[in-house]
C-alpha atoms as a PDB file:
ATOM      1  CA  UNK A   1     -23.934 -39.537  11.578  1.00  0.00           C
ATOM      2  CA  UNK A   2     -27.022 -37.582  10.690  1.00  0.00           C
ATOM      3  CA  UNK A   3     -25.273 -34.123  10.848  1.00  0.00           C
ATOM      4  CA  UNK A   4     -22.582 -35.382   8.485  1.00  0.00           C
ATOM      5  CA  UNK A   5     -25.220 -36.598   6.010  1.00  0.00           C
ATOM      6  CA  UNK A   6     -27.089 -33.294   6.291  1.00  0.00           C
ATOM      7  CA  UNK A   7     -23.911 -31.258   5.800  1.00  0.00           C
ATOM      8  CA  UNK A   8     -22.745 -33.283   2.807  1.00  0.00           C
ATOM      9  CA  UNK A   9     -26.188 -33.003   1.183  1.00  0.00           C
ATOM     10  CA  UNK A  10     -26.284 -29.240   1.782  1.00  0.00           C
ATOM     11  CA  UNK A  11     -22.800 -28.812   0.299  1.00  0.00           C
ATOM     12  CA  UNK A  12     -23.687 -30.927  -2.732  1.00  0.00           C
ATOM     13  CA  UNK A  13     -26.880 -28.945  -3.366  1.00  0.00           C
ATOM     14  CA  UNK A  14     -25.094 -25.606  -2.995  1.00  0.00           C
ATOM     15  CA  UNK A  15     -22.312 -26.783  -5.290  1.00  0.00           C
ATOM     16  CA  UNK A  16     -24.880 -27.725  -7.928  1.00  0.00           C
ATOM     17  CA  UNK A  17     -26.560 -24.320  -7.611  1.00  0.00           C
ATOM     18  CA  UNK A  18     -23.272 -22.483  -8.014  1.00  0.00           C
ATOM     19  CA  UNK A  19     -22.366 -24.478 -11.118  1.00  0.00           C
ATOM     20  CA  UNK A  20     -25.645 -23.532 -12.809  1.00  0.00           C
ATOM     21  CA  UNK A  21     -25.065 -21.102 -15.710  1.00  0.00           C
ATOM     22  CA  UNK A  22     -27.903 -18.814 -14.613  1.00  0.00           C
ATOM     23  CA  UNK A  23     -26.458 -18.382 -11.134  1.00  0.00           C
ATOM     24  CA  UNK A  24     -22.896 -17.518 -12.108  1.00  0.00           C
ATOM     25  CA  UNK A  25     -21.579 -14.179 -10.938  1.00  0.00           C
ATOM     26  CA  UNK A  26     -19.009 -13.013 -13.425  1.00  0.00           C
ATOM     27  CA  UNK A  27     -17.902 -10.077 -11.306  1.00  0.00           C
ATOM     28  CA  UNK A  28     -16.370  -6.886 -12.571  1.00  0.00           C
ATOM     29  CA  UNK A  29     -13.876  -6.475 -15.367  1.00  0.00           C
ATOM     30  CA  UNK A  30     -10.228  -6.313 -14.238  1.00  0.00           C
ATOM     31  CA  UNK A  31      -9.682  -3.086 -16.209  1.00  0.00           C
ATOM     32  CA  UNK A  32     -11.444  -0.721 -13.754  1.00  0.00           C
ATOM     33  CA  UNK A  33      -9.603  -2.380 -10.886  1.00  0.00           C
ATOM     34  CA  UNK A  34      -6.263  -1.853 -12.641  1.00  0.00           C
ATOM     35  CA  UNK A  35      -7.124   1.788 -13.344  1.00  0.00           C
ATOM     36  CA  UNK A  36      -8.034   2.379  -9.689  1.00  0.00           C
ATOM     37  CA  UNK A  37      -4.809   0.758  -8.497  1.00  0.00           C
ATOM     38  CA  UNK A  38      -2.762   2.786 -10.993  1.00  0.00           C
ATOM     39  CA  UNK A  39      -4.427   5.982  -9.761  1.00  0.00           C
ATOM     40  CA  UNK A  40      -3.650   5.090  -6.163  1.00  0.00           C
ATOM     41  CA  UNK A  41      -0.003   4.416  -7.070  1.00  0.00           C
ATOM     42  CA  UNK A  42       0.290   7.777  -8.835  1.00  0.00           C
ATOM     43  CA  UNK A  43      -1.222   9.589  -5.848  1.00  0.00           C
ATOM     44  CA  UNK A  44       1.073   7.732  -3.437  1.00  0.00           C
ATOM     45  CA  UNK A  45       4.124   8.646  -5.523  1.00  0.00           C
ATOM     46  CA  UNK A  46       3.050  12.297  -5.620  1.00  0.00           C
ATOM     47  CA  UNK A  47       2.586  12.403  -1.846  1.00  0.00           C
ATOM     48  CA  UNK A  48       5.939  10.683  -1.296  1.00  0.00           C
ATOM     49  CA  UNK A  49       7.697  13.123  -3.631  1.00  0.00           C
ATOM     50  CA  UNK A  50       6.066  16.079  -1.888  1.00  0.00           C
ATOM     51  CA  UNK A  51       7.108  14.830   1.555  1.00  0.00           C
ATOM     52  CA  UNK A  52      10.645  14.097   0.331  1.00  0.00           C
ATOM     53  CA  UNK A  53      10.953  17.593  -1.165  1.00  0.00           C
ATOM     54  CA  UNK A  54       9.593  19.297   1.947  1.00  0.00           C
ATOM     55  CA  UNK A  55      11.875  17.265   4.203  1.00  0.00           C
ATOM     56  CA  UNK A  56      14.964  18.084   2.155  1.00  0.00           C
ATOM     57  CA  UNK A  57      14.070  21.780   2.181  1.00  0.00           C
ATOM     58  CA  UNK A  58      13.602  21.648   5.947  1.00  0.00           C
ATOM     59  CA  UNK A  59      16.921  19.862   6.424  1.00  0.00           C
ATOM     60  CA  UNK A  60      18.711  22.389   4.184  1.00  0.00           C
ATOM     61  CA  UNK A  61      17.461  25.206   6.439  1.00  0.00           C
ATOM     62  CA  UNK A  62      19.223  23.713   9.468  1.00  0.00           C
ATOM     63  CA  UNK A  63      22.562  25.495   9.871  1.00  0.00           C
ATOM     64  CA  UNK A  64      25.791  23.522   9.969  1.00  0.00           C
ATOM     65  CA  UNK A  65      27.322  23.242  13.420  1.00  0.00           C
ATOM     66  CA  UNK A  66      30.295  25.501  14.006  1.00  0.00           C
ATOM     67  CA  UNK A  67      32.170  22.806  15.898  1.00  0.00           C
ATOM     68  CA  UNK A  68      30.760  19.309  15.328  1.00  0.00           C
ATOM     69  CA  UNK A  69      33.384  17.555  17.518  1.00  0.00           C
ATOM     70  CA  UNK A  70      33.065  19.907  20.473  1.00  0.00           C
ATOM     71  CA  UNK A  71      35.801  21.376  22.641  1.00  0.00           C
ATOM     72  CA  UNK A  72      38.304  22.024  19.849  1.00  0.00           C
ATOM     73  CA  UNK A  73      38.931  25.712  19.150  1.00  0.00           C
ATOM     74  CA  UNK A  74      38.896  26.732  15.478  1.00  0.00           C
ATOM     75  CA  UNK A  75      42.302  26.973  13.844  1.00  0.00           C
ATOM     76  CA  UNK A  76      43.164  30.540  12.826  1.00  0.00           C
ATOM     77  CA  UNK A  77      46.221  31.023  10.662  1.00  0.00           C
ATOM     78  CA  UNK A  78      49.130  28.700   9.830  1.00  0.00           C
END
């Protein structure tokens, strides 16, 4: 029973310390966080666009197959 009493007293004391106005940690403003996230989104979109463009250019350089089905001779004339 003694550990439970000790733990509850420690929690109550810590809770009282955290509620004290002098001990409050307000943290950072949400504006810099939003700006950082927005910058990361812009960079991610730029990288994605670059990769998409490079991939499409690479795929356009691949020649079309002459006979995609295979085994069928090309039709020449009517």
